[in-house]
Amino acid sequence: VFEKNGIKTERFGVRYYPVDSDNGEDLNYADCAEVYRNYLINNKGLTAKAQANKSDLYVDLYGGVMKDTSILGIPFNLKTEITGFDQASDILDILKDGGVDNITVNYNDWTNDSIKNKISTEVSPSGKLGGSSAFDKLISKDDNMKIVPSMNNFKMDSGSWGYMTLTSTAIRVSNAYSRQSSYSPAFGVAEKGVSPALLTPNKYSNVFTEMLESYTDEKLTSIGFGDYSTKLVSDYSKKDPSSRSKTMNTIVDGYKSASEKISTVFADGANSYVLPYVTNVSNVPVYSSGFNVTDFDIPFYQMVIHGYVDYASTPINKSSNSDETFLLSLASGSQIHYDMTYADADTLQDTEYDDLYYSNYAGWTDLAANQYKKVSSILSGVSDYTITKYELSDDKNVLTTTYSKDGASDVVISVDKKNATATVGTEVYDLADCIEGGLTE
């Protein structure tokens, strides 16, 4: 017990839900997914928000970043445009011309404070990216383009008004400031420099309140909160401690308030406690880490939320096997998701965005459009159905998903990874134009 004067969490508990079959058939993970979905519906307030006959291409765009540069031999750390507002508009126009009817965009780092990795709660578009007029033009660009201006206030490199690192950083068990270190993948040691500070949970309510006030004042209809939907921080400060459970409740209150005031609440990944309050979820994994010894992967998360919350896969162009990720996304009922930047990889070098080296839009818009059109043809008709069965062939190459809806006949969709085809009923779709690098057996 690390807390002073006893454990702060009021109650710990484990729930068990025995699962039985009414018709004597064997039970499987689909039955467990249904039980968990019903738990979220009956106990947590999950409601069906997925629209019928709807399919979106999900795109993450990245606005600006700080980059070390030299002027007359003097080093400066300057704001650098990666995807300005007009450039973002150009990318979306290219996708629309390629046949993409509906796009959901998660726009990151678009204010000066967010570019500098400070806490950013005010709708104040960066002049470096084009300023307010260009931002307003982008936001109102097209009714079929949902632009979500997200702010990720989970951590900060330096303090700002109301959020100073000395007073607004979470405290570890060791009584040290909680900072999130980055580690070298080659040597496993912490990288040099001061790591970002994790914002203390007792400031979360301020962040949610200030963001919602600013977004509603500017009449924005979409909002995203970054890492708040997937990460929990404990704070062991003496003055105002917060357990993970208390932090979770604070986050739930923030998302609930957002859902009551703003029509689109976007989540970059989503733990179960925020699912009742979000309309869109991206970065839903389509395969496991592979670290555990298992026979095969199943899309359990997707089986729980399909037909209730719109969701997309992890970025296809980020994957080491983009073809496999695309086919698994299709088999799990996921929308297509891409990371895109306007700047070339050399601009991203030696910045916080250097891991987006793959994301230049020019190499991906044609493939993304082809994949979207094919996925839309196959999946849009079952967008408000639930997944009631997921089966793999003996060789694991054919993935068969059954979609069900009250008052409608089941729809069975099979994806053949080896031959790059999808079958819906008696109709076979050739996926060859959706494959970027060739399939592996």
Protein backbone atom coordinates (compact mmCIF):
# COMPACT_ATOMS: atom_id res chain seq x y z
CA VAL A 1 0.00 0.00 0.00
CA PHE A 2 1.72 3.17 -1.22
CA GLU A 3 -0.92 5.70 -0.20
CA LYS A 4 -0.65 7.52 3.07
CA ASN A 5 -3.40 6.74 5.61
CA GLY A 6 -4.79 3.75 3.72
CA ILE A 7 -6.03 2.94 0.21
CA LYS A 8 -8.04 5.78 -1.34
CA THR A 9 -10.08 3.59 -3.67
CA GLU A 10 -13.39 2.82 -1.97
CA ARG A 11 -13.95 -0.65 -3.36
CA PHE A 12 -12.22 -3.36 -5.35
CA GLY A 13 -14.18 -6.10 -7.07
CA VAL A 14 -14.15 -8.76 -9.76
CA ARG A 15 -17.32 -9.64 -11.66
CA TYR A 16 -18.00 -13.02 -13.26
CA TYR A 17 -20.59 -13.58 -15.99
CA PRO A 18 -21.19 -17.32 -16.58
CA VAL A 19 -22.15 -17.90 -20.21
CA ASP A 20 -24.60 -20.59 -21.24
CA SER A 21 -26.12 -21.67 -24.53
CA ASP A 22 -29.89 -21.72 -24.95
CA ASN A 23 -29.93 -24.06 -27.94
CA GLY A 24 -27.21 -26.49 -26.90
CA GLU A 25 -24.64 -25.23 -29.39
CA ASP A 26 -20.99 -24.84 -28.46
CA LEU A 27 -20.05 -21.50 -26.99
CA ASN A 28 -17.25 -19.38 -28.41
CA TYR A 29 -15.71 -15.94 -28.18
CA ALA A 30 -18.64 -14.41 -30.12
CA ASP A 31 -20.92 -15.31 -27.22
CA CYS A 32 -18.47 -13.69 -24.78
CA ALA A 33 -18.37 -10.55 -26.94
CA GLU A 34 -22.16 -10.37 -26.82
CA VAL A 35 -22.13 -10.66 -23.02
CA TYR A 36 -19.58 -7.86 -22.73
CA ARG A 37 -21.51 -5.66 -25.19
CA ASN A 38 -24.67 -6.17 -23.15
CA TYR A 39 -22.74 -5.26 -20.00
CA LEU A 40 -21.65 -1.97 -21.59
CA ILE A 41 -25.22 -1.33 -22.74
CA ASN A 42 -26.99 -2.19 -19.47
CA ASN A 43 -24.38 -1.02 -16.95
CA LYS A 44 -22.42 1.73 -18.67
CA GLY A 45 -24.97 3.33 -20.97
CA LEU A 46 -23.55 2.34 -24.37
CA THR A 47 -26.02 3.24 -27.14
CA ALA A 48 -26.00 2.56 -30.88
CA LYS A 49 -24.50 5.59 -32.66
CA ALA A 50 -23.34 3.90 -35.87
CA GLN A 51 -25.17 5.08 -38.98
CA ALA A 52 -26.70 2.72 -41.52
CA ASN A 53 -25.12 2.43 -44.97
CA LYS A 54 -22.10 4.50 -43.97
CA SER A 55 -18.39 4.10 -44.58
CA ASP A 56 -15.58 6.62 -43.93
CA LEU A 57 -11.91 6.90 -44.73
CA TYR A 58 -10.08 7.90 -41.54
CA VAL A 59 -7.05 10.17 -41.95
CA ASP A 60 -4.68 11.52 -39.30
CA LEU A 61 -3.12 14.84 -40.35
CA TYR A 62 -0.27 16.54 -38.47
CA GLY A 63 -0.04 20.33 -38.44
CA GLY A 64 3.25 21.63 -37.09
CA VAL A 65 6.29 20.62 -35.07
CA MET A 66 9.34 22.23 -33.45
CA LYS A 67 12.54 21.73 -35.44
CA ASP A 68 16.14 22.69 -34.71
CA THR A 69 17.55 24.89 -37.45
CA SER A 70 20.43 27.27 -37.97
CA ILE A 71 20.22 30.90 -39.05
CA LEU A 72 23.57 32.59 -39.75
CA GLY A 73 25.21 29.86 -37.71
CA ILE A 74 22.97 30.51 -34.70
CA PRO A 75 20.82 27.54 -33.58
CA PHE A 76 17.07 28.08 -33.21
CA ASN A 77 14.17 25.79 -32.35
CA LEU A 78 11.40 27.02 -34.65
CA LYS A 79 7.80 26.12 -35.41
CA THR A 80 7.78 24.22 -38.71
CA GLU A 81 4.79 23.62 -40.99
CA ILE A 82 4.19 19.95 -41.72
CA THR A 83 0.61 20.08 -42.99
CA GLY A 84 -0.85 23.59 -43.10
CA PHE A 85 -4.57 24.25 -43.33
CA ASP A 86 -4.50 24.89 -47.09
CA GLN A 87 -2.24 21.88 -47.59
CA ALA A 88 -4.67 19.71 -45.61
CA SER A 89 -7.43 20.96 -47.90
CA ASP A 90 -5.38 19.98 -50.96
CA ILE A 91 -4.88 16.44 -49.63
CA LEU A 92 -8.60 16.06 -48.99
CA ASP A 93 -9.42 17.36 -52.48
CA ILE A 94 -7.13 14.72 -53.99
CA LEU A 95 -8.86 11.98 -52.00
CA LYS A 96 -12.29 13.30 -52.97
CA ASP A 97 -11.30 13.39 -56.64
CA GLY A 98 -10.16 9.78 -56.22
CA GLY A 99 -13.67 8.74 -55.24
CA VAL A 100 -13.64 9.06 -51.44
CA ASP A 101 -17.15 10.20 -50.50
CA ASN A 102 -16.79 10.42 -46.72
CA ILE A 103 -13.70 11.33 -44.73
CA THR A 104 -13.10 11.62 -40.98
CA VAL A 105 -9.97 13.65 -40.25
CA ASN A 106 -8.14 13.77 -36.93
CA TYR A 107 -6.09 17.00 -37.14
CA ASN A 108 -3.20 17.13 -34.65
CA ASP A 109 -0.94 19.96 -33.43
CA TRP A 110 -2.69 22.95 -35.02
CA THR A 111 -2.24 25.62 -32.31
CA ASN A 112 1.01 27.30 -31.30
CA ASP A 113 0.88 25.79 -27.80
CA SER A 114 0.26 22.27 -29.08
CA ILE A 115 3.11 22.61 -31.58
CA LYS A 116 5.36 23.63 -28.67
CA ASN A 117 4.05 20.67 -26.60
CA LYS A 118 2.40 22.92 -24.05
CA ILE A 119 -1.08 22.51 -22.62
CA SER A 120 -3.42 23.90 -25.28
CA THR A 121 -7.10 24.42 -24.47
CA GLU A 122 -8.07 27.44 -26.58
CA VAL A 123 -9.22 27.34 -30.20
CA SER A 124 -6.43 29.51 -31.60
CA PRO A 125 -5.21 28.27 -35.01
CA SER A 126 -1.51 28.74 -35.57
CA GLY A 127 -0.50 31.50 -37.95
CA LYS A 128 2.37 29.30 -39.09
CA LEU A 129 -0.21 26.89 -40.54
CA GLY A 130 -2.34 29.58 -42.17
CA GLY A 131 -4.22 31.33 -39.38
CA SER A 132 -7.88 31.53 -38.44
CA SER A 133 -9.35 32.24 -41.88
CA ALA A 134 -7.65 29.21 -43.47
CA PHE A 135 -8.63 27.07 -40.46
CA ASP A 136 -12.29 28.15 -40.70
CA LYS A 137 -12.28 27.42 -44.43
CA LEU A 138 -10.91 23.91 -43.79
CA ILE A 139 -13.37 23.13 -41.00
CA SER A 140 -16.37 24.11 -43.15
CA LYS A 141 -14.94 22.59 -46.33
CA ASP A 142 -17.46 19.87 -47.13
CA ASP A 143 -20.45 18.30 -45.42
CA ASN A 144 -19.01 14.84 -46.13
CA MET A 145 -15.66 15.73 -44.56
CA LYS A 146 -15.66 15.60 -40.77
CA ILE A 147 -12.64 17.57 -39.54
CA VAL A 148 -11.82 16.90 -35.88
CA PRO A 149 -9.38 19.48 -34.42
CA SER A 150 -7.88 17.45 -31.58
CA MET A 151 -5.82 18.65 -28.63
CA ASN A 152 -3.65 16.19 -26.75
CA ASN A 153 -3.06 17.68 -23.31
CA PHE A 154 -1.84 14.51 -21.63
CA LYS A 155 1.75 15.73 -21.22
CA MET A 156 3.80 18.91 -21.64
CA ASP A 157 7.39 19.84 -22.43
CA SER A 158 7.13 23.17 -20.62
CA GLY A 159 4.63 25.09 -18.56
CA SER A 160 2.05 27.66 -19.61
CA TRP A 161 -0.47 29.90 -17.84
CA GLY A 162 -2.39 27.75 -15.34
CA TYR A 163 -0.35 24.63 -16.07
CA MET A 164 3.17 25.05 -14.70
CA THR A 165 5.45 22.02 -14.60
CA LEU A 166 6.37 22.64 -10.95
CA THR A 167 2.77 22.61 -9.75
CA SER A 168 0.86 20.67 -12.43
CA THR A 169 2.98 17.54 -12.87
CA ALA A 170 1.84 14.20 -11.47
CA ILE A 171 3.95 12.77 -8.62
CA ARG A 172 5.30 9.22 -8.64
CA VAL A 173 5.33 6.77 -5.76
CA SER A 174 8.97 7.76 -5.23
CA ASN A 175 7.84 11.38 -4.72
CA ALA A 176 9.61 12.42 -7.95
CA TYR A 177 7.97 14.28 -10.82
CA SER A 178 6.33 11.89 -13.27
CA ARG A 179 7.96 12.29 -16.68
CA GLN A 180 7.50 10.00 -19.66
CA SER A 181 10.90 9.01 -20.97
CA SER A 182 11.62 7.87 -24.52
CA TYR A 183 14.00 4.95 -24.94
CA SER A 184 16.41 4.06 -27.70
CA PRO A 185 15.10 0.96 -29.52
CA ALA A 186 18.70 -0.07 -30.26
CA PHE A 187 20.16 0.17 -26.76
CA GLY A 188 17.13 0.28 -24.45
CA VAL A 189 18.38 3.34 -22.56
CA ALA A 190 16.57 6.62 -21.98
CA GLU A 191 17.26 9.23 -24.62
CA LYS A 192 19.03 12.43 -23.67
CA GLY A 193 17.15 15.57 -22.72
CA VAL A 194 14.30 16.43 -20.38
CA SER A 195 11.33 14.12 -20.86
CA PRO A 196 7.76 15.47 -21.09
CA ALA A 197 5.93 15.91 -17.78
CA LEU A 198 2.65 14.06 -17.25
CA LEU A 199 -0.14 16.46 -16.34
CA THR A 200 -1.58 15.83 -12.88
CA PRO A 201 -5.11 14.39 -12.94
CA ASN A 202 -6.38 17.14 -10.65
CA LYS A 203 -5.97 19.49 -13.68
CA TYR A 204 -7.97 17.30 -16.05
CA SER A 205 -11.30 18.91 -15.15
CA ASN A 206 -9.84 22.32 -16.01
CA VAL A 207 -8.63 21.01 -19.38
CA PHE A 208 -12.01 19.54 -20.30
CA THR A 209 -13.91 22.62 -19.13
CA GLU A 210 -11.66 25.12 -20.92
CA MET A 211 -11.62 23.12 -24.15
CA LEU A 212 -15.39 22.69 -24.21
CA GLU A 213 -16.01 26.37 -23.52
CA SER A 214 -13.64 27.40 -26.31
CA TYR A 215 -14.97 24.87 -28.82
CA THR A 216 -18.60 25.78 -28.16
CA ASP A 217 -17.82 29.51 -28.31
CA GLU A 218 -16.26 28.95 -31.75
CA LYS A 219 -19.22 26.75 -32.75
CA LEU A 220 -17.04 23.74 -33.51
CA THR A 221 -19.00 20.50 -33.75
CA SER A 222 -16.12 18.02 -33.40
CA ILE A 223 -13.57 17.48 -30.65
CA GLY A 224 -10.79 15.05 -29.71
CA PHE A 225 -8.81 14.72 -26.48
CA GLY A 226 -5.84 12.62 -27.61
CA ASP A 227 -4.34 10.18 -25.09
CA TYR A 228 -7.05 10.70 -22.46
CA SER A 229 -9.11 7.91 -24.03
CA THR A 230 -6.39 5.26 -23.59
CA LYS A 231 -4.08 6.22 -20.71
CA LEU A 232 -4.47 6.54 -16.94
CA VAL A 233 -2.10 8.34 -14.59
CA SER A 234 -1.81 7.97 -10.82
CA ASP A 235 -0.74 10.95 -8.71
CA TYR A 236 0.78 10.30 -5.28
CA SER A 237 1.06 13.95 -4.27
CA LYS A 238 0.27 14.68 -0.63
CA LYS A 239 -2.01 17.61 -1.38
CA ASP A 240 -4.42 16.14 -3.95
CA PRO A 241 -3.65 12.48 -4.76
CA SER A 242 -5.45 10.56 -7.48
CA SER A 243 -5.62 6.80 -7.90
CA ARG A 244 -6.09 5.30 -11.37
CA SER A 245 -9.73 4.70 -10.44
CA LYS A 246 -10.25 8.34 -9.49
CA THR A 247 -8.44 9.47 -12.64
CA MET A 248 -10.72 7.26 -14.72
CA ASN A 249 -13.82 8.81 -13.17
CA THR A 250 -12.48 12.30 -13.88
CA ILE A 251 -11.92 11.37 -17.53
CA VAL A 252 -15.39 9.80 -17.78
CA ASP A 253 -16.95 13.01 -16.46
CA GLY A 254 -15.04 15.01 -19.08
CA TYR A 255 -16.09 12.80 -21.98
CA LYS A 256 -19.68 12.68 -20.75
CA SER A 257 -19.80 16.48 -20.64
CA ALA A 258 -18.33 16.65 -24.14
CA SER A 259 -20.93 14.22 -25.51
CA GLU A 260 -23.70 16.47 -24.17
CA LYS A 261 -22.32 19.63 -25.81
CA ILE A 262 -20.60 18.56 -29.03
CA SER A 263 -22.01 16.25 -31.68
CA THR A 264 -18.79 14.42 -32.64
CA VAL A 265 -16.45 13.18 -29.91
CA PHE A 266 -13.44 11.49 -31.48
CA ALA A 267 -11.24 8.98 -29.65
CA ASP A 268 -7.73 8.02 -30.77
CA GLY A 269 -8.17 4.52 -29.37
CA ALA A 270 -10.71 4.02 -26.59
CA ASN A 271 -10.79 2.11 -23.33
CA SER A 272 -14.21 0.78 -22.42
CA TYR A 273 -15.06 3.50 -19.90
CA VAL A 274 -15.21 6.21 -22.62
CA LEU A 275 -17.02 4.14 -25.26
CA PRO A 276 -20.53 5.29 -24.22
CA TYR A 277 -19.55 8.92 -24.87
CA VAL A 278 -17.61 8.81 -28.16
CA THR A 279 -18.91 8.70 -31.72
CA ASN A 280 -15.73 7.63 -33.54
CA VAL A 281 -12.77 5.49 -32.54
CA SER A 282 -9.56 5.11 -34.53
CA ASN A 283 -6.45 3.00 -33.96
CA VAL A 284 -8.34 -0.19 -33.12
CA PRO A 285 -5.75 -3.01 -33.47
CA VAL A 286 -6.42 -5.75 -36.02
CA TYR A 287 -3.71 -8.08 -34.72
CA SER A 288 -1.97 -8.76 -31.42
CA SER A 289 1.62 -8.05 -30.45
CA GLY A 290 2.46 -11.72 -30.94
CA PHE A 291 4.28 -11.77 -27.61
CA ASN A 292 1.86 -14.30 -26.12
CA VAL A 293 1.77 -17.91 -27.29
CA THR A 294 -1.64 -18.21 -28.98
CA ASP A 295 -3.11 -20.16 -31.87
CA PHE A 296 -4.51 -17.12 -33.69
CA ASP A 297 -5.86 -13.60 -33.21
CA ILE A 298 -9.54 -12.65 -33.04
CA PRO A 299 -11.02 -9.11 -33.34
CA PHE A 300 -12.77 -9.25 -29.97
CA TYR A 301 -12.89 -5.45 -29.53
CA GLN A 302 -14.54 -5.05 -32.93
CA MET A 303 -17.02 -7.81 -32.15
CA VAL A 304 -18.12 -5.87 -29.09
CA ILE A 305 -18.61 -2.41 -30.61
CA HIS A 306 -19.50 -3.00 -34.28
CA GLY A 307 -22.89 -1.49 -35.01
CA TYR A 308 -22.67 0.76 -31.95
CA VAL A 309 -19.60 2.97 -32.47
CA ASP A 310 -17.91 3.75 -35.78
CA TYR A 311 -14.27 2.65 -35.71
CA ALA A 312 -11.17 2.38 -37.85
CA SER A 313 -8.04 0.24 -37.84
CA THR A 314 -4.53 1.31 -36.98
CA PRO A 315 -2.88 3.29 -39.83
CA ILE A 316 -2.38 0.96 -42.77
CA ASN A 317 0.68 2.80 -44.06
CA LYS A 318 2.30 2.60 -40.63
CA SER A 319 2.23 -1.19 -40.67
CA SER A 320 5.27 -3.23 -41.66
CA ASN A 321 2.83 -5.34 -43.72
CA SER A 322 0.26 -2.92 -45.09
CA ASP A 323 -1.45 -5.59 -47.21
CA GLU A 324 -2.04 -7.85 -44.22
CA THR A 325 -3.34 -4.94 -42.15
CA PHE A 326 -5.78 -3.92 -44.89
CA LEU A 327 -7.18 -7.45 -45.26
CA LEU A 328 -7.51 -7.91 -41.50
CA SER A 329 -9.23 -4.52 -41.27
CA LEU A 330 -11.75 -5.60 -43.87
CA ALA A 331 -12.34 -8.94 -42.13
CA SER A 332 -12.96 -7.23 -38.76
CA GLY A 333 -15.42 -4.66 -40.13
CA SER A 334 -12.95 -1.79 -39.62
CA GLN A 335 -12.85 1.41 -41.64
CA ILE A 336 -9.62 2.26 -43.47
CA HIS A 337 -7.15 4.52 -41.64
CA TYR A 338 -4.05 6.39 -42.89
CA ASP A 339 -1.47 8.78 -41.47
CA MET A 340 -0.70 11.61 -43.89
CA THR A 341 1.59 14.65 -43.96
CA TYR A 342 2.23 17.20 -46.68
CA ALA A 343 5.91 17.64 -45.87
CA ASP A 344 8.55 15.20 -47.10
CA ALA A 345 10.43 12.83 -44.80
CA ASP A 346 13.52 15.02 -44.74
CA THR A 347 11.50 17.84 -43.13
CA LEU A 348 10.42 15.43 -40.39
CA GLN A 349 13.97 14.32 -39.65
CA ASP A 350 15.26 15.15 -36.16
CA THR A 351 11.81 16.25 -34.96
CA GLU A 352 9.13 14.70 -32.80
CA TYR A 353 7.55 13.54 -36.09
CA ASP A 354 10.55 11.59 -37.39
CA ASP A 355 8.64 8.34 -36.85
CA LEU A 356 6.13 9.54 -39.50
CA TYR A 357 8.76 9.10 -42.23
CA TYR A 358 6.30 6.92 -44.20
CA SER A 359 3.39 9.36 -44.22
CA ASN A 360 3.89 11.73 -47.18
CA TYR A 361 0.48 11.89 -48.84
CA ALA A 362 1.73 11.63 -52.43
CA GLY A 363 2.60 7.95 -52.07
CA TRP A 364 -0.67 6.90 -50.47
CA THR A 365 -3.70 8.81 -51.79
CA ASP A 366 -4.37 6.51 -54.78
CA LEU A 367 -4.12 3.34 -52.70
CA ALA A 368 -6.20 4.82 -49.87
CA ALA A 369 -8.93 5.83 -52.33
CA ASN A 370 -8.98 2.38 -53.96
CA GLN A 371 -9.19 0.64 -50.60
CA TYR A 372 -11.91 2.98 -49.37
CA LYS A 373 -14.10 2.41 -52.44
CA LYS A 374 -13.78 -1.35 -52.15
CA VAL A 375 -14.37 -1.42 -48.39
CA SER A 376 -17.35 0.92 -48.77
CA SER A 377 -18.92 -1.43 -51.32
CA ILE A 378 -18.42 -4.41 -49.02
CA LEU A 379 -19.01 -3.05 -45.52
CA SER A 380 -21.31 -0.01 -45.75
CA GLY A 381 -24.41 -2.21 -45.92
CA VAL A 382 -23.61 -3.75 -42.51
CA SER A 383 -22.40 -0.60 -40.74
CA ASP A 384 -25.21 -0.79 -38.17
CA TYR A 385 -25.10 -4.60 -37.79
CA THR A 386 -23.41 -6.45 -34.93
CA ILE A 387 -20.76 -9.13 -35.46
CA THR A 388 -22.16 -12.46 -34.27
CA LYS A 389 -19.55 -14.87 -35.59
CA TYR A 390 -15.91 -14.82 -36.70
CA GLU A 391 -14.32 -17.95 -38.12
CA LEU A 392 -10.93 -18.87 -39.56
CA SER A 393 -10.20 -21.66 -42.03
CA ASP A 394 -7.77 -24.39 -41.03
CA ASP A 395 -4.91 -22.67 -42.86
CA LYS A 396 -5.94 -19.27 -41.38
CA ASN A 397 -6.15 -17.73 -44.85
CA VAL A 398 -9.94 -17.39 -45.11
CA LEU A 399 -11.61 -15.15 -42.51
CA THR A 400 -15.42 -15.35 -42.37
CA THR A 401 -17.44 -12.76 -40.46
CA THR A 402 -21.20 -12.94 -39.85
CA TYR A 403 -23.14 -9.70 -39.34
CA SER A 404 -26.60 -9.69 -37.77
CA LYS A 405 -29.41 -7.20 -37.21
CA ASP A 406 -32.89 -7.57 -35.78
CA GLY A 407 -35.44 -7.82 -38.55
CA ALA A 408 -32.84 -8.49 -41.26
CA SER A 409 -31.14 -11.55 -42.69
CA ASP A 410 -27.57 -12.30 -41.64
CA VAL A 411 -24.81 -11.11 -43.96
CA VAL A 412 -21.73 -13.33 -44.30
CA ILE A 413 -18.49 -11.79 -45.60
CA SER A 414 -15.40 -13.91 -46.30
CA VAL A 415 -11.94 -12.50 -46.92
CA ASP A 416 -9.41 -14.74 -48.66
CA LYS A 417 -5.97 -13.37 -47.76
CA LYS A 418 -4.06 -15.69 -50.07
CA ASN A 419 -6.06 -14.87 -53.22
CA ALA A 420 -6.92 -11.26 -52.27
CA THR A 421 -10.69 -11.61 -52.69
CA ALA A 422 -13.76 -10.87 -50.60
CA THR A 423 -17.05 -12.70 -50.94
CA VAL A 424 -20.43 -11.29 -49.91
CA GLY A 425 -23.14 -13.88 -50.52
CA THR A 426 -22.54 -14.96 -54.11
CA GLU A 427 -20.67 -11.80 -55.17
CA VAL A 428 -16.88 -11.94 -55.29
CA TYR A 429 -14.76 -8.76 -55.06
CA ASP A 430 -11.23 -8.68 -56.45
CA LEU A 431 -8.92 -6.83 -54.05
CA ALA A 432 -5.85 -6.80 -56.30
CA ASP A 433 -5.97 -3.01 -56.77
CA CYS A 434 -6.01 -2.62 -52.97
CA ILE A 435 -2.76 -4.47 -52.41
CA GLU A 436 0.37 -2.34 -52.24
CA GLY A 437 3.26 -4.74 -51.95
CA GLY A 438 2.04 -8.25 -52.71
CA LEU A 439 0.78 -10.98 -50.43
CA THR A 440 2.79 -13.49 -48.43
CA GLU A 441 1.59 -17.00 -47.93
